[in-house]
Amino acid sequence: MQIKIIGSHQCPDTLYALHVLAEKGYEVDFVDILGSHAGLKEYLTLRETDALYKDICGTQRLGIPCMILEDGTKTLSLKDCLLYTSPSPRDS
């Protein structure tokens, strides 16, 4: 399973999620919001329009990492991400 992670290499929670998912064998498509203008725009659009961020808007929390599963499900919880997915089988 491939998981898109929107976050930042400067965020300890993002780094932890990337490490755990890689260690468990997930394919990760990482969007670094501080590494590219397109990545930042994608994140801001998501933050401004998705109900996932309703409790975060108006606070000083960023809401990263955001994990987007192959079926389009979005979560801010690594625990939930791991509960509802399984890694892609590795090629032998």
PDB file of N, CA and C in Angstrom:
ATOM      1  N   MET A   1       0.840  -1.177   0.000  1.00  0.00           N
ATOM      2  CA  MET A   1       0.000   0.000   0.000  1.00  0.00           C
ATOM      3  C   MET A   1       0.877   1.229   0.000  1.00  0.00           C
ATOM      4  N   GLN A   2       0.496   2.190  -0.807  1.00  0.00           N
ATOM      5  CA  GLN A   2       1.213   3.454  -0.833  1.00  0.00           C
ATOM      6  C   GLN A   2       0.457   4.464   0.011  1.00  0.00           C
ATOM      7  N   ILE A   3       1.200   5.227   0.779  1.00  0.00           N
ATOM      8  CA  ILE A   3       0.632   6.273   1.621  1.00  0.00           C
ATOM      9  C   ILE A   3       1.308   7.585   1.258  1.00  0.00           C
ATOM     10  N   LYS A   4       0.489   8.605   1.033  1.00  0.00           N
ATOM     11  CA  LYS A   4       1.034   9.945   0.803  1.00  0.00           C
ATOM     12  C   LYS A   4       1.129  10.612   2.168  1.00  0.00           C
ATOM     13  N   ILE A   5       2.289  11.176   2.445  1.00  0.00           N
ATOM     14  CA  ILE A   5       2.473  11.925   3.685  1.00  0.00           C
ATOM     15  C   ILE A   5       2.776  13.367   3.321  1.00  0.00           C
ATOM     16  N   ILE A   6       1.969  14.260   3.872  1.00  0.00           N
ATOM     17  CA  ILE A   6       2.209  15.679   3.712  1.00  0.00           C
ATOM     18  C   ILE A   6       2.767  16.170   5.043  1.00  0.00           C
ATOM     19  N   GLY A   7       3.969  16.716   5.002  1.00  0.00           N
ATOM     20  CA  GLY A   7       4.608  17.149   6.237  1.00  0.00           C
ATOM     21  C   GLY A   7       5.874  17.921   5.942  1.00  0.00           C
ATOM     22  N   SER A   8       6.792  17.877   6.896  1.00  0.00           N
ATOM     23  CA  SER A   8       8.046  18.620   6.761  1.00  0.00           C
ATOM     24  C   SER A   8       9.179  17.837   7.402  1.00  0.00           C
ATOM     25  N   HIS A   9      10.345  17.892   6.776  1.00  0.00           N
ATOM     26  CA  HIS A   9      11.522  17.276   7.369  1.00  0.00           C
ATOM     27  C   HIS A   9      11.950  17.997   8.646  1.00  0.00           C
ATOM     28  N   GLN A  10      11.383  19.152   8.908  1.00  0.00           N
ATOM     29  CA  GLN A  10      11.697  19.891  10.124  1.00  0.00           C
ATOM     30  C   GLN A  10      10.743  19.554  11.267  1.00  0.00           C
ATOM     31  N   CYS A  11       9.771  18.708  11.010  1.00  0.00           N
ATOM     32  CA  CYS A  11       8.766  18.335  12.009  1.00  0.00           C
ATOM     33  C   CYS A  11       9.107  16.962  12.592  1.00  0.00           C
ATOM     34  N   PRO A  12       9.337  16.861  13.899  1.00  0.00           N
ATOM     35  CA  PRO A  12       9.684  15.572  14.493  1.00  0.00           C
ATOM     36  C   PRO A  12       8.600  14.511  14.305  1.00  0.00           C
ATOM     37  N   ASP A  13       7.325  14.909  14.325  1.00  0.00           N
ATOM     38  CA  ASP A  13       6.246  13.936  14.130  1.00  0.00           C
ATOM     39  C   ASP A  13       6.256  13.390  12.701  1.00  0.00           C
ATOM     40  N   THR A  14       6.552  14.245  11.739  1.00  0.00           N
ATOM     41  CA  THR A  14       6.648  13.796  10.355  1.00  0.00           C
ATOM     42  C   THR A  14       7.816  12.831  10.200  1.00  0.00           C
ATOM     43  N   LEU A  15       8.957  13.187  10.755  1.00  0.00           N
ATOM     44  CA  LEU A  15      10.131  12.307  10.661  1.00  0.00           C
ATOM     45  C   LEU A  15       9.865  10.955  11.306  1.00  0.00           C
ATOM     46  N   TYR A  16       9.182  10.955  12.435  1.00  0.00           N
ATOM     47  CA  TYR A  16       8.853   9.704  13.114  1.00  0.00           C
ATOM     48  C   TYR A  16       7.922   8.854  12.239  1.00  0.00           C
ATOM     49  N   ALA A  17       6.887   9.477  11.679  1.00  0.00           N
ATOM     50  CA  ALA A  17       5.949   8.734  10.829  1.00  0.00           C
ATOM     51  C   ALA A  17       6.660   8.155   9.609  1.00  0.00           C
ATOM     52  N   LEU A  18       7.522   8.942   8.979  1.00  0.00           N
ATOM     53  CA  LEU A  18       8.265   8.446   7.817  1.00  0.00           C
ATOM     54  C   LEU A  18       9.137   7.257   8.199  1.00  0.00           C
ATOM     55  N   HIS A  19       9.796   7.339   9.342  1.00  0.00           N
ATOM     56  CA  HIS A  19      10.653   6.258   9.817  1.00  0.00           C
ATOM     57  C   HIS A  19       9.848   4.984  10.090  1.00  0.00           C
ATOM     58  N   VAL A  20       8.757   5.111  10.824  1.00  0.00           N
ATOM     59  CA  VAL A  20       7.936   3.947  11.170  1.00  0.00           C
ATOM     60  C   VAL A  20       7.367   3.292   9.914  1.00  0.00           C
ATOM     61  N   LEU A  21       6.832   4.085   9.017  1.00  0.00           N
ATOM     62  CA  LEU A  21       6.225   3.518   7.810  1.00  0.00           C
ATOM     63  C   LEU A  21       7.274   2.844   6.924  1.00  0.00           C
ATOM     64  N   ALA A  22       8.444   3.452   6.792  1.00  0.00           N
ATOM     65  CA  ALA A  22       9.515   2.833   5.998  1.00  0.00           C
ATOM     66  C   ALA A  22       9.973   1.540   6.648  1.00  0.00           C
ATOM     67  N   GLU A  23      10.111   1.561   7.958  1.00  0.00           N
ATOM     68  CA  GLU A  23      10.551   0.372   8.692  1.00  0.00           C
ATOM     69  C   GLU A  23       9.567  -0.784   8.531  1.00  0.00           C
ATOM     70  N   LYS A  24       8.284  -0.464   8.423  1.00  0.00           N
ATOM     71  CA  LYS A  24       7.251  -1.485   8.290  1.00  0.00           C
ATOM     72  C   LYS A  24       7.004  -1.889   6.833  1.00  0.00           C
ATOM     73  N   GLY A  25       7.716  -1.265   5.899  1.00  0.00           N
ATOM     74  CA  GLY A  25       7.635  -1.675   4.504  1.00  0.00           C
ATOM     75  C   GLY A  25       6.607  -0.965   3.650  1.00  0.00           C
ATOM     76  N   TYR A  26       6.093   0.155   4.102  1.00  0.00           N
ATOM     77  CA  TYR A  26       5.135   0.917   3.309  1.00  0.00           C
ATOM     78  C   TYR A  26       5.849   1.697   2.215  1.00  0.00           C
ATOM     79  N   GLU A  27       5.158   1.871   1.098  1.00  0.00           N
ATOM     80  CA  GLU A  27       5.622   2.780   0.059  1.00  0.00           C
ATOM     81  C   GLU A  27       5.099   4.168   0.429  1.00  0.00           C
ATOM     82  N   VAL A  28       5.983   5.142   0.502  1.00  0.00           N
ATOM     83  CA  VAL A  28       5.600   6.473   0.936  1.00  0.00           C
ATOM     84  C   VAL A  28       5.869   7.487  -0.171  1.00  0.00           C
ATOM     85  N   ASP A  29       4.852   8.277  -0.470  1.00  0.00           N
ATOM     86  CA  ASP A  29       4.976   9.419  -1.367  1.00  0.00           C
ATOM     87  C   ASP A  29       4.990  10.637  -0.456  1.00  0.00           C
ATOM     88  N   PHE A  30       6.153  11.256  -0.267  1.00  0.00           N
ATOM     89  CA  PHE A  30       6.304  12.351   0.689  1.00  0.00           C
ATOM     90  C   PHE A  30       6.199  13.701   0.004  1.00  0.00           C
ATOM     91  N   VAL A  31       5.358  14.557   0.550  1.00  0.00           N
ATOM     92  CA  VAL A  31       5.210  15.935   0.078  1.00  0.00           C
ATOM     93  C   VAL A  31       5.741  16.838   1.188  1.00  0.00           C
ATOM     94  N   ASP A  32       6.877  17.471   0.948  1.00  0.00           N
ATOM     95  CA  ASP A  32       7.503  18.352   1.932  1.00  0.00           C
ATOM     96  C   ASP A  32       6.963  19.762   1.740  1.00  0.00           C
ATOM     97  N   ILE A  33       6.172  20.216   2.703  1.00  0.00           N
ATOM     98  CA  ILE A  33       5.514  21.517   2.551  1.00  0.00           C
ATOM     99  C   ILE A  33       6.503  22.681   2.583  1.00  0.00           C
ATOM    100  N   LEU A  34       7.692  22.447   3.108  1.00  0.00           N
ATOM    101  CA  LEU A  34       8.700  23.507   3.127  1.00  0.00           C
ATOM    102  C   LEU A  34       9.726  23.342   2.017  1.00  0.00           C
ATOM    103  N   GLY A  35       9.613  22.254   1.265  1.00  0.00           N
ATOM    104  CA  GLY A  35      10.589  21.966   0.224  1.00  0.00           C
ATOM    105  C   GLY A  35      10.181  22.401  -1.164  1.00  0.00           C
ATOM    106  N   SER A  36       8.892  22.703  -1.348  1.00  0.00           N
ATOM    107  CA  SER A  36       8.463  23.136  -2.679  1.00  0.00           C
ATOM    108  C   SER A  36       7.202  23.986  -2.579  1.00  0.00           C
ATOM    109  N   HIS A  37       7.088  24.890  -3.497  1.00  0.00           N
ATOM    110  CA  HIS A  37       5.907  25.753  -3.560  1.00  0.00           C
ATOM    111  C   HIS A  37       4.654  24.914  -3.814  1.00  0.00           C
ATOM    112  N   ALA A  38       4.768  23.933  -4.710  1.00  0.00           N
ATOM    113  CA  ALA A  38       3.622  23.071  -5.029  1.00  0.00           C
ATOM    114  C   ALA A  38       3.185  22.273  -3.799  1.00  0.00           C
ATOM    115  N   GLY A  39       4.136  21.773  -3.031  1.00  0.00           N
ATOM    116  CA  GLY A  39       3.812  21.017  -1.815  1.00  0.00           C
ATOM    117  C   GLY A  39       3.102  21.883  -0.792  1.00  0.00           C
ATOM    118  N   LEU A  40       3.562  23.108  -0.625  1.00  0.00           N
ATOM    119  CA  LEU A  40       2.923  24.034   0.311  1.00  0.00           C
ATOM    120  C   LEU A  40       1.505  24.367  -0.144  1.00  0.00           C
ATOM    121  N   LYS A  41       1.328  24.606  -1.441  1.00  0.00           N
ATOM    122  CA  LYS A  41      -0.012  24.903  -1.965  1.00  0.00           C
ATOM    123  C   LYS A  41      -0.958  23.726  -1.755  1.00  0.00           C
ATOM    124  N   GLU A  42      -0.459  22.502  -1.993  1.00  0.00           N
ATOM    125  CA  GLU A  42      -1.292  21.315  -1.790  1.00  0.00           C
ATOM    126  C   GLU A  42      -1.740  21.225  -0.334  1.00  0.00           C
ATOM    127  N   TYR A  43      -0.807  21.454   0.590  1.00  0.00           N
ATOM    128  CA  TYR A  43      -1.121  21.404   2.013  1.00  0.00           C
ATOM    129  C   TYR A  43      -2.127  22.491   2.398  1.00  0.00           C
ATOM    130  N   LEU A  44      -1.898  23.725   1.962  1.00  0.00           N
ATOM    131  CA  LEU A  44      -2.792  24.819   2.328  1.00  0.00           C
ATOM    132  C   LEU A  44      -4.203  24.596   1.800  1.00  0.00           C
ATOM    133  N   THR A  45      -4.319  24.080   0.595  1.00  0.00           N
ATOM    134  CA  THR A  45      -5.636  23.766   0.041  1.00  0.00           C
ATOM    135  C   THR A  45      -6.334  22.722   0.895  1.00  0.00           C
ATOM    136  N   LEU A  46      -5.604  21.683   1.262  1.00  0.00           N
ATOM    137  CA  LEU A  46      -6.161  20.632   2.114  1.00  0.00           C
ATOM    138  C   LEU A  46      -6.588  21.207   3.460  1.00  0.00           C
ATOM    139  N   ARG A  47      -5.734  21.985   4.075  1.00  0.00           N
ATOM    140  CA  ARG A  47      -6.019  22.558   5.403  1.00  0.00           C
ATOM    141  C   ARG A  47      -7.230  23.489   5.366  1.00  0.00           C
ATOM    142  N   GLU A  48      -7.391  24.217   4.282  1.00  0.00           N
ATOM    143  CA  GLU A  48      -8.487  25.182   4.189  1.00  0.00           C
ATOM    144  C   GLU A  48      -9.820  24.553   3.802  1.00  0.00           C
ATOM    145  N   THR A  49      -9.790  23.357   3.194  1.00  0.00           N
ATOM    146  CA  THR A  49     -11.028  22.800   2.650  1.00  0.00           C
ATOM    147  C   THR A  49     -11.476  21.478   3.263  1.00  0.00           C
ATOM    148  N   ASP A  50     -10.607  20.770   3.964  1.00  0.00           N
ATOM    149  CA  ASP A  50     -10.952  19.439   4.444  1.00  0.00           C
ATOM    150  C   ASP A  50     -11.421  19.479   5.896  1.00  0.00           C
ATOM    151  N   ALA A  51     -12.506  18.775   6.187  1.00  0.00           N
ATOM    152  CA  ALA A  51     -13.065  18.715   7.541  1.00  0.00           C
ATOM    153  C   ALA A  51     -12.074  18.140   8.552  1.00  0.00           C
ATOM    154  N   LEU A  52     -11.085  17.410   8.086  1.00  0.00           N
ATOM    155  CA  LEU A  52     -10.053  16.851   8.960  1.00  0.00           C
ATOM    156  C   LEU A  52      -9.387  17.952   9.793  1.00  0.00           C
ATOM    157  N   TYR A  53      -9.352  19.154   9.265  1.00  0.00           N
ATOM    158  CA  TYR A  53      -8.655  20.257   9.915  1.00  0.00           C
ATOM    159  C   TYR A  53      -9.570  21.199  10.705  1.00  0.00           C
ATOM    160  N   LYS A  54     -10.830  20.825  10.881  1.00  0.00           N
ATOM    161  CA  LYS A  54     -11.766  21.740  11.536  1.00  0.00           C
ATOM    162  C   LYS A  54     -11.353  22.109  12.954  1.00  0.00           C
ATOM    163  N   ASP A  55     -10.743  21.178  13.684  1.00  0.00           N
ATOM    164  CA  ASP A  55     -10.320  21.462  15.055  1.00  0.00           C
ATOM    165  C   ASP A  55      -8.939  22.108  15.138  1.00  0.00           C
ATOM    166  N   ILE A  56      -8.244  22.171  14.028  1.00  0.00           N
ATOM    167  CA  ILE A  56      -6.888  22.721  14.015  1.00  0.00           C
ATOM    168  C   ILE A  56      -6.876  24.168  13.543  1.00  0.00           C
ATOM    169  N   CYS A  57      -7.764  24.493  12.611  1.00  0.00           N
ATOM    170  CA  CYS A  57      -7.812  25.867  12.113  1.00  0.00           C
ATOM    171  C   CYS A  57      -8.081  26.822  13.275  1.00  0.00           C
ATOM    172  N   GLY A  58      -7.371  27.928  13.283  1.00  0.00           N
ATOM    173  CA  GLY A  58      -7.529  28.908  14.344  1.00  0.00           C
ATOM    174  C   GLY A  58      -6.645  28.629  15.551  1.00  0.00           C
ATOM    175  N   THR A  59      -5.833  27.565  15.479  1.00  0.00           N
ATOM    176  CA  THR A  59      -4.886  27.259  16.546  1.00  0.00           C
ATOM    177  C   THR A  59      -3.484  27.441  15.992  1.00  0.00           C
ATOM    178  N   GLN A  60      -2.501  27.221  16.817  1.00  0.00           N
ATOM    179  CA  GLN A  60      -1.128  27.313  16.343  1.00  0.00           C
ATOM    180  C   GLN A  60      -0.599  25.972  15.877  1.00  0.00           C
ATOM    181  N   ARG A  61      -1.425  24.932  15.909  1.00  0.00           N
ATOM    182  CA  ARG A  61      -1.005  23.616  15.422  1.00  0.00           C
ATOM    183  C   ARG A  61      -1.015  23.606  13.900  1.00  0.00           C
ATOM    184  N   LEU A  62      -0.069  22.886  13.309  1.00  0.00           N
ATOM    185  CA  LEU A  62       0.006  22.806  11.846  1.00  0.00           C
ATOM    186  C   LEU A  62      -0.880  21.712  11.273  1.00  0.00           C
ATOM    187  N   GLY A  63      -0.987  20.598  11.980  1.00  0.00           N
ATOM    188  CA  GLY A  63      -1.759  19.480  11.427  1.00  0.00           C
ATOM    189  C   GLY A  63      -0.937  18.643  10.475  1.00  0.00           C
ATOM    190  N   ILE A  64       0.343  18.455  10.812  1.00  0.00           N
ATOM    191  CA  ILE A  64       1.184  17.551  10.031  1.00  0.00           C
ATOM    192  C   ILE A  64       1.840  16.575  10.988  1.00  0.00           C
ATOM    193  N   PRO A  65       2.122  15.406  10.549  1.00  0.00           N
ATOM    194  CA  PRO A  65       1.938  14.915   9.188  1.00  0.00           C
ATOM    195  C   PRO A  65       0.477  14.539   8.925  1.00  0.00           C
ATOM    196  N   CYS A  66       0.080  14.717   7.695  1.00  0.00           N
ATOM    197  CA  CYS A  66      -1.215  14.249   7.221  1.00  0.00           C
ATOM    198  C   CYS A  66      -0.939  13.042   6.333  1.00  0.00           C
ATOM    199  N   MET A  67      -1.620  11.947   6.626  1.00  0.00           N
ATOM    200  CA  MET A  67      -1.442  10.726   5.847  1.00  0.00           C
ATOM    201  C   MET A  67      -2.680  10.488   4.998  1.00  0.00           C
ATOM    202  N   ILE A  68      -2.465  10.288   3.714  1.00  0.00           N
ATOM    203  CA  ILE A  68      -3.564  10.039   2.784  1.00  0.00           C
ATOM    204  C   ILE A  68      -3.386   8.629   2.239  1.00  0.00           C
ATOM    205  N   LEU A  69      -4.372   7.778   2.516  1.00  0.00           N
ATOM    206  CA  LEU A  69      -4.316   6.383   2.107  1.00  0.00           C
ATOM    207  C   LEU A  69      -4.754   6.241   0.658  1.00  0.00           C
ATOM    208  N   GLU A  70      -4.496   5.075   0.079  1.00  0.00           N
ATOM    209  CA  GLU A  70      -4.821   4.845  -1.335  1.00  0.00           C
ATOM    210  C   GLU A  70      -6.294   5.052  -1.641  1.00  0.00           C
ATOM    211  N   ASP A  71      -7.169   4.766  -0.661  1.00  0.00           N
ATOM    212  CA  ASP A  71      -8.606   4.929  -0.898  1.00  0.00           C
ATOM    213  C   ASP A  71      -9.081   6.364  -0.688  1.00  0.00           C
ATOM    214  N   GLY A  72      -8.135   7.277  -0.395  1.00  0.00           N
ATOM    215  CA  GLY A  72      -8.474   8.683  -0.213  1.00  0.00           C
ATOM    216  C   GLY A  72      -8.718   9.076   1.234  1.00  0.00           C
ATOM    217  N   THR A  73      -8.761   8.104   2.142  1.00  0.00           N
ATOM    218  CA  THR A  73      -8.939   8.400   3.557  1.00  0.00           C
ATOM    219  C   THR A  73      -7.766   9.240   4.047  1.00  0.00           C
ATOM    220  N   LYS A  74      -8.083  10.269   4.824  1.00  0.00           N
ATOM    221  CA  LYS A  74      -7.051  11.146   5.376  1.00  0.00           C
ATOM    222  C   LYS A  74      -7.061  11.033   6.890  1.00  0.00           C
ATOM    223  N   THR A  75      -5.882  11.058   7.486  1.00  0.00           N
ATOM    224  CA  THR A  75      -5.767  11.018   8.939  1.00  0.00           C
ATOM    225  C   THR A  75      -4.537  11.786   9.393  1.00  0.00           C
ATOM    226  N   LEU A  76      -4.635  12.310  10.587  1.00  0.00           N
ATOM    227  CA  LEU A  76      -3.496  12.965  11.215  1.00  0.00           C
ATOM    228  C   LEU A  76      -2.866  12.048  12.252  1.00  0.00           C
ATOM    229  N   SER A  77      -3.361  10.822  12.342  1.00  0.00           N
ATOM    230  CA  SER A  77      -2.917   9.864  13.349  1.00  0.00           C
ATOM    231  C   SER A  77      -2.139   8.708  12.716  1.00  0.00           C
ATOM    232  N   LEU A  78      -0.878   8.573  13.083  1.00  0.00           N
ATOM    233  CA  LEU A  78      -0.081   7.451  12.597  1.00  0.00           C
ATOM    234  C   LEU A  78      -0.693   6.137  13.077  1.00  0.00           C
ATOM    235  N   LYS A  79      -1.183   6.123  14.301  1.00  0.00           N
ATOM    236  CA  LYS A  79      -1.810   4.917  14.855  1.00  0.00           C
ATOM    237  C   LYS A  79      -2.997   4.476  13.993  1.00  0.00           C
ATOM    238  N   ASP A  80      -3.860   5.407  13.627  1.00  0.00           N
ATOM    239  CA  ASP A  80      -5.007   5.073  12.767  1.00  0.00           C
ATOM    240  C   ASP A  80      -4.541   4.605  11.401  1.00  0.00           C
ATOM    241  N   CYS A  81      -3.525   5.253  10.873  1.00  0.00           N
ATOM    242  CA  CYS A  81      -2.974   4.870   9.579  1.00  0.00           C
ATOM    243  C   CYS A  81      -2.525   3.407   9.609  1.00  0.00           C
ATOM    244  N   LEU A  82      -1.813   3.025  10.639  1.00  0.00           N
ATOM    245  CA  LEU A  82      -1.320   1.655  10.756  1.00  0.00           C
ATOM    246  C   LEU A  82      -2.444   0.657  11.009  1.00  0.00           C
ATOM    247  N   LEU A  83      -3.494   1.084  11.714  1.00  0.00           N
ATOM    248  CA  LEU A  83      -4.626   0.200  12.000  1.00  0.00           C
ATOM    249  C   LEU A  83      -5.395  -0.194  10.740  1.00  0.00           C
ATOM    250  N   TYR A  84      -5.527   0.742   9.819  1.00  0.00           N
ATOM    251  CA  TYR A  84      -6.387   0.531   8.658  1.00  0.00           C
ATOM    252  C   TYR A  84      -5.654   0.178   7.377  1.00  0.00           C
ATOM    253  N   THR A  85      -4.362  -0.065   7.470  1.00  0.00           N
ATOM    254  CA  THR A  85      -3.592  -0.384   6.269  1.00  0.00           C
ATOM    255  C   THR A  85      -2.638  -1.530   6.543  1.00  0.00           C
ATOM    256  N   SER A  86      -2.089  -2.042   5.488  1.00  0.00           N
ATOM    257  CA  SER A  86      -0.992  -3.012   5.614  1.00  0.00           C
ATOM    258  C   SER A  86       0.017  -2.676   4.525  1.00  0.00           C
ATOM    259  N   PRO A  87       1.300  -2.929   4.796  1.00  0.00           N
ATOM    260  CA  PRO A  87       2.314  -2.558   3.807  1.00  0.00           C
ATOM    261  C   PRO A  87       2.207  -3.382   2.548  1.00  0.00           C
ATOM    262  N   SER A  88       2.775  -2.847   1.473  1.00  0.00           N
ATOM    263  CA  SER A  88       2.844  -3.581   0.206  1.00  0.00           C
ATOM    264  C   SER A  88       3.777  -4.764   0.379  1.00  0.00           C
ATOM    265  N   PRO A  89       3.455  -5.896  -0.251  1.00  0.00           N
ATOM    266  CA  PRO A  89       4.396  -7.015  -0.182  1.00  0.00           C
ATOM    267  C   PRO A  89       5.678  -6.647  -0.905  1.00  0.00           C
ATOM    268  N   ARG A  90       6.780  -7.035  -0.320  1.00  0.00           N
ATOM    269  CA  ARG A  90       8.083  -6.751  -0.934  1.00  0.00           C
ATOM    270  C   ARG A  90       8.358  -7.771  -2.036  1.00  0.00           C
ATOM    271  N   ASP A  91       9.001  -7.292  -3.088  1.00  0.00           N
ATOM    272  CA  ASP A  91       9.384  -8.197  -4.178  1.00  0.00           C
ATOM    273  C   ASP A  91      10.431  -9.179  -3.665  1.00  0.00           C
ATOM    274  N   SER A  92      10.283 -10.431  -4.003  1.00  0.00           N
ATOM    275  CA  SER A  92      11.248 -11.440  -3.554  1.00  0.00           C
ATOM    276  C   SER A  92      12.383 -11.573  -4.533  1.00  0.00           C
TER     277      SER A  92
END
